[in-house]
Amino acid sequence: MGGDVDISQNDLMNSLHGLDSLRTIGGLLGIFGNNILLNNLDGLHSLDSVGGRLIISENAQLYGLSGLEDLQHVGGVWRVAGNPTRAMATFSTVNPIPGMKRFELFDTGGRLVRLARFEGQSFEFHRESLLAGMYFFSIADERGRRFDGKIVVMD
């Protein structure tokens, strides 16, 4: 799932079991202010990656992190060096990711302007003939995990 998941201020919530099939969150996962009934995170047992920050606080009945045993990555799977760029940026993994990856670049109109497949733990993005402006990228691995963001190309 891309974007953020905010589970907050739900005083009557007692379970996260509706999230059983959730494996990846592209952005932030916030679980806070659920003060009365939430006492475990077992519904998140399939979650293995949170692309943004993980915030768990102010849950008065929560006494542990049971349910997050499969969580492998928090805070981003990729980092970008050289953004904004005039010529080149390097995308590199925070932790090793096996297999083939797919890099997609979209203009602000949502049109695909670049597609590349690569192996290894880094990808060098070269501006080539792209016009100056903002672009949106997506990197996906074989397991379906995605890293989305924006890159600015300058003259």
C-alpha atoms as a PDB file:
ATOM      1  CA  MET A   1       0.000   0.000   0.000  1.00  0.00           C
ATOM      2  CA  GLY A   2       1.368   3.412  -0.904  1.00  0.00           C
ATOM      3  CA  GLY A   3       0.852   6.424   1.334  1.00  0.00           C
ATOM      4  CA  ASP A   4       0.341   6.700   5.055  1.00  0.00           C
ATOM      5  CA  VAL A   5      -1.725   4.659   7.496  1.00  0.00           C
ATOM      6  CA  ASP A   6      -3.005   6.649  10.463  1.00  0.00           C
ATOM      7  CA  ILE A   7      -4.734   4.686  13.209  1.00  0.00           C
ATOM      8  CA  SER A   8      -5.402   7.283  15.861  1.00  0.00           C
ATOM      9  CA  GLN A   9      -8.014   8.559  18.282  1.00  0.00           C
ATOM     10  CA  ASN A  10     -10.139   5.409  17.994  1.00  0.00           C
ATOM     11  CA  ASP A  11     -11.215   4.899  21.596  1.00  0.00           C
ATOM     12  CA  LEU A  12     -13.457   1.933  20.760  1.00  0.00           C
ATOM     13  CA  MET A  13     -10.973   0.047  18.548  1.00  0.00           C
ATOM     14  CA  ASN A  14      -9.927  -3.220  20.136  1.00  0.00           C
ATOM     15  CA  SER A  15      -8.292  -5.043  17.219  1.00  0.00           C
ATOM     16  CA  LEU A  16      -6.263  -4.484  14.053  1.00  0.00           C
ATOM     17  CA  HIS A  17      -7.327  -7.820  12.536  1.00  0.00           C
ATOM     18  CA  GLY A  18      -8.865  -6.111   9.493  1.00  0.00           C
ATOM     19  CA  LEU A  19      -5.284  -5.381   8.401  1.00  0.00           C
ATOM     20  CA  ASP A  20      -4.195  -9.049   8.357  1.00  0.00           C
ATOM     21  CA  SER A  21      -3.145  -9.048   4.682  1.00  0.00           C
ATOM     22  CA  LEU A  22      -1.220  -5.764   4.771  1.00  0.00           C
ATOM     23  CA  ARG A  23       2.439  -6.461   3.865  1.00  0.00           C
ATOM     24  CA  THR A  24       3.859  -3.060   2.924  1.00  0.00           C
ATOM     25  CA  ILE A  25       3.111   0.554   3.811  1.00  0.00           C
ATOM     26  CA  GLY A  26       4.821   3.076   1.560  1.00  0.00           C
ATOM     27  CA  GLY A  27       4.732   5.978   3.996  1.00  0.00           C
ATOM     28  CA  LEU A  28       4.174   6.530   7.698  1.00  0.00           C
ATOM     29  CA  LEU A  29       2.436   4.106  10.055  1.00  0.00           C
ATOM     30  CA  GLY A  30       0.981   5.936  13.029  1.00  0.00           C
ATOM     31  CA  ILE A  31      -0.800   4.133  15.866  1.00  0.00           C
ATOM     32  CA  PHE A  32      -1.457   6.585  18.677  1.00  0.00           C
ATOM     33  CA  GLY A  33      -4.140   7.839  21.009  1.00  0.00           C
ATOM     34  CA  ASN A  34      -6.128   4.576  21.013  1.00  0.00           C
ATOM     35  CA  ASN A  35      -6.516   4.718  24.772  1.00  0.00           C
ATOM     36  CA  ILE A  36      -9.213   2.372  25.904  1.00  0.00           C
ATOM     37  CA  LEU A  37      -9.326  -1.054  24.231  1.00  0.00           C
ATOM     38  CA  LEU A  38      -6.375  -1.644  21.866  1.00  0.00           C
ATOM     39  CA  ASN A  39      -4.025  -4.008  23.691  1.00  0.00           C
ATOM     40  CA  ASN A  40      -2.039  -5.714  20.884  1.00  0.00           C
ATOM     41  CA  LEU A  41      -0.895  -5.278  17.295  1.00  0.00           C
ATOM     42  CA  ASP A  42      -1.573  -8.851  16.199  1.00  0.00           C
ATOM     43  CA  GLY A  43      -3.500  -7.742  13.099  1.00  0.00           C
ATOM     44  CA  LEU A  44      -0.220  -6.480  11.632  1.00  0.00           C
ATOM     45  CA  HIS A  45       1.462  -9.905  11.671  1.00  0.00           C
ATOM     46  CA  SER A  46       1.986  -9.872   7.857  1.00  0.00           C
ATOM     47  CA  LEU A  47       3.563  -6.408   7.769  1.00  0.00           C
ATOM     48  CA  ASP A  48       7.219  -6.535   6.673  1.00  0.00           C
ATOM     49  CA  SER A  49       8.002  -2.994   5.497  1.00  0.00           C
ATOM     50  CA  VAL A  50       7.126   0.584   6.474  1.00  0.00           C
ATOM     51  CA  GLY A  51       8.602   3.106   4.052  1.00  0.00           C
ATOM     52  CA  GLY A  52       8.284   6.109   6.353  1.00  0.00           C
ATOM     53  CA  ARG A  53       8.304   6.571  10.091  1.00  0.00           C
ATOM     54  CA  LEU A  54       6.705   4.176  12.565  1.00  0.00           C
ATOM     55  CA  ILE A  55       5.002   5.939  15.484  1.00  0.00           C
ATOM     56  CA  ILE A  56       3.393   3.929  18.272  1.00  0.00           C
ATOM     57  CA  SER A  57       2.485   5.987  21.329  1.00  0.00           C
ATOM     58  CA  GLU A  58      -0.257   6.949  23.776  1.00  0.00           C
ATOM     59  CA  ASN A  59      -2.022   3.592  23.623  1.00  0.00           C
ATOM     60  CA  ALA A  60      -2.708   3.054  27.324  1.00  0.00           C
ATOM     61  CA  GLN A  61      -3.631  -0.632  27.079  1.00  0.00           C
ATOM     62  CA  LEU A  62      -0.842  -1.632  24.654  1.00  0.00           C
ATOM     63  CA  TYR A  63       1.780  -3.591  26.578  1.00  0.00           C
ATOM     64  CA  GLY A  64       4.064  -4.854  23.827  1.00  0.00           C
ATOM     65  CA  LEU A  65       4.737  -5.062  20.127  1.00  0.00           C
ATOM     66  CA  SER A  66       3.244  -8.492  19.550  1.00  0.00           C
ATOM     67  CA  GLY A  67       2.212  -8.648  15.899  1.00  0.00           C
ATOM     68  CA  LEU A  68       5.260  -6.890  14.475  1.00  0.00           C
ATOM     69  CA  GLU A  69       7.573  -9.914  14.476  1.00  0.00           C
ATOM     70  CA  ASP A  70       7.817  -9.977  10.652  1.00  0.00           C
ATOM     71  CA  LEU A  71       8.611  -6.264  10.323  1.00  0.00           C
ATOM     72  CA  GLN A  72      11.984  -6.080   8.530  1.00  0.00           C
ATOM     73  CA  HIS A  73      12.305  -2.478   7.290  1.00  0.00           C
ATOM     74  CA  VAL A  74      11.281   0.901   8.706  1.00  0.00           C
ATOM     75  CA  GLY A  75      12.225   4.310   7.410  1.00  0.00           C
ATOM     76  CA  GLY A  76      12.665   3.643   3.768  1.00  0.00           C
ATOM     77  CA  VAL A  77      14.143   0.876   1.730  1.00  0.00           C
ATOM     78  CA  TRP A  78      15.984   3.242  -0.644  1.00  0.00           C
ATOM     79  CA  ARG A  79      17.897   6.486  -0.305  1.00  0.00           C
ATOM     80  CA  VAL A  80      18.540   9.057  -3.019  1.00  0.00           C
ATOM     81  CA  ALA A  81      21.774  11.033  -3.371  1.00  0.00           C
ATOM     82  CA  GLY A  82      21.818  13.999  -5.722  1.00  0.00           C
ATOM     83  CA  ASN A  83      18.278  15.346  -5.520  1.00  0.00           C
ATOM     84  CA  PRO A  84      17.753  17.933  -6.934  1.00  0.00           C
ATOM     85  CA  THR A  85      19.987  17.057  -9.858  1.00  0.00           C
ATOM     86  CA  ARG A  86      21.432  18.690 -12.932  1.00  0.00           C
ATOM     87  CA  ALA A  87      22.826  15.495 -14.456  1.00  0.00           C
ATOM     88  CA  MET A  88      22.726  12.379 -12.242  1.00  0.00           C
ATOM     89  CA  ALA A  89      21.252  10.948  -9.026  1.00  0.00           C
ATOM     90  CA  THR A  90      22.030   7.639  -7.336  1.00  0.00           C
ATOM     91  CA  PHE A  91      19.340   5.469  -5.745  1.00  0.00           C
ATOM     92  CA  SER A  92      20.760   2.892  -3.311  1.00  0.00           C
ATOM     93  CA  THR A  93      19.253   0.345  -0.955  1.00  0.00           C
ATOM     94  CA  VAL A  94      19.410   0.756   2.795  1.00  0.00           C
ATOM     95  CA  ASN A  95      19.600  -3.041   3.197  1.00  0.00           C
ATOM     96  CA  PRO A  96      20.338  -5.633   0.491  1.00  0.00           C
ATOM     97  CA  ILE A  97      17.351  -6.462  -1.718  1.00  0.00           C
ATOM     98  CA  PRO A  98      17.764  -9.534  -3.935  1.00  0.00           C
ATOM     99  CA  GLY A  99      16.638  -9.814  -7.525  1.00  0.00           C
ATOM    100  CA  MET A 100      15.533  -7.532 -10.293  1.00  0.00           C
ATOM    101  CA  LYS A 101      14.141  -4.038  -9.678  1.00  0.00           C
ATOM    102  CA  ARG A 102      12.087  -1.700 -11.858  1.00  0.00           C
ATOM    103  CA  PHE A 103      12.580   2.098 -12.000  1.00  0.00           C
ATOM    104  CA  GLU A 104       9.748   4.205 -13.440  1.00  0.00           C
ATOM    105  CA  LEU A 105       9.780   7.974 -13.914  1.00  0.00           C
ATOM    106  CA  PHE A 106       6.639  10.021 -14.516  1.00  0.00           C
ATOM    107  CA  ASP A 107       6.166  13.673 -15.437  1.00  0.00           C
ATOM    108  CA  THR A 108       3.700  15.859 -13.527  1.00  0.00           C
ATOM    109  CA  GLY A 109       0.975  14.856 -15.989  1.00  0.00           C
ATOM    110  CA  GLY A 110       1.368  11.209 -14.977  1.00  0.00           C
ATOM    111  CA  ARG A 111       2.996  10.134 -18.259  1.00  0.00           C
ATOM    112  CA  LEU A 112       5.725   7.495 -18.061  1.00  0.00           C
ATOM    113  CA  VAL A 113       8.897   9.145 -19.382  1.00  0.00           C
ATOM    114  CA  ARG A 114      11.533   6.610 -18.328  1.00  0.00           C
ATOM    115  CA  LEU A 115      11.582   2.907 -17.534  1.00  0.00           C
ATOM    116  CA  ALA A 116      14.599   0.858 -16.514  1.00  0.00           C
ATOM    117  CA  ARG A 117      15.173  -2.573 -15.032  1.00  0.00           C
ATOM    118  CA  PHE A 118      18.256  -3.216 -12.957  1.00  0.00           C
ATOM    119  CA  GLU A 119      19.887  -5.675 -10.599  1.00  0.00           C
ATOM    120  CA  GLY A 120      22.159  -4.892  -7.721  1.00  0.00           C
ATOM    121  CA  GLN A 121      21.843  -2.495  -4.827  1.00  0.00           C
ATOM    122  CA  SER A 122      22.027   0.842  -6.647  1.00  0.00           C
ATOM    123  CA  PHE A 123      20.721   2.581  -9.733  1.00  0.00           C
ATOM    124  CA  GLU A 124      22.248   5.595 -11.435  1.00  0.00           C
ATOM    125  CA  PHE A 125      19.663   7.942 -12.878  1.00  0.00           C
ATOM    126  CA  HIS A 126      20.964  10.094 -15.738  1.00  0.00           C
ATOM    127  CA  ARG A 127      19.029  13.156 -16.830  1.00  0.00           C
ATOM    128  CA  GLU A 128      19.873  12.809 -20.527  1.00  0.00           C
ATOM    129  CA  SER A 129      17.252  14.765 -22.510  1.00  0.00           C
ATOM    130  CA  LEU A 130      14.730  15.404 -19.720  1.00  0.00           C
ATOM    131  CA  LEU A 131      13.493  18.975 -19.399  1.00  0.00           C
ATOM    132  CA  ALA A 132      13.975  20.808 -16.109  1.00  0.00           C
ATOM    133  CA  GLY A 133      11.091  20.247 -13.689  1.00  0.00           C
ATOM    134  CA  MET A 134       9.646  17.924 -11.098  1.00  0.00           C
ATOM    135  CA  TYR A 135       9.236  14.201 -11.764  1.00  0.00           C
ATOM    136  CA  PHE A 136       7.805  11.339  -9.741  1.00  0.00           C
ATOM    137  CA  PHE A 137       9.607   8.014  -9.496  1.00  0.00           C
ATOM    138  CA  SER A 138       8.745   4.535  -8.352  1.00  0.00           C
ATOM    139  CA  ILE A 139      11.145   1.664  -7.663  1.00  0.00           C
ATOM    140  CA  ALA A 140       9.642  -1.791  -7.203  1.00  0.00           C
ATOM    141  CA  ASP A 141      11.336  -5.043  -6.274  1.00  0.00           C
ATOM    142  CA  GLU A 142      10.330  -8.627  -7.075  1.00  0.00           C
ATOM    143  CA  ARG A 143       8.395  -8.920  -3.812  1.00  0.00           C
ATOM    144  CA  GLY A 144       6.179  -5.983  -4.777  1.00  0.00           C
ATOM    145  CA  ARG A 145       7.665  -3.497  -2.323  1.00  0.00           C
ATOM    146  CA  ARG A 146       7.638   0.020  -3.756  1.00  0.00           C
ATOM    147  CA  PHE A 147       9.506   3.194  -2.990  1.00  0.00           C
ATOM    148  CA  ASP A 148       7.857   6.304  -4.399  1.00  0.00           C
ATOM    149  CA  GLY A 149       9.112   9.849  -4.354  1.00  0.00           C
ATOM    150  CA  LYS A 150       9.926  12.882  -6.407  1.00  0.00           C
ATOM    151  CA  ILE A 151      13.062  14.143  -8.041  1.00  0.00           C
ATOM    152  CA  VAL A 152      13.752  17.658  -9.281  1.00  0.00           C
ATOM    153  CA  VAL A 153      15.749  18.173 -12.460  1.00  0.00           C
ATOM    154  CA  MET A 154      17.392  21.581 -12.713  1.00  0.00           C
ATOM    155  CA  ASP A 155      19.164  23.457 -15.531  1.00  0.00           C
END
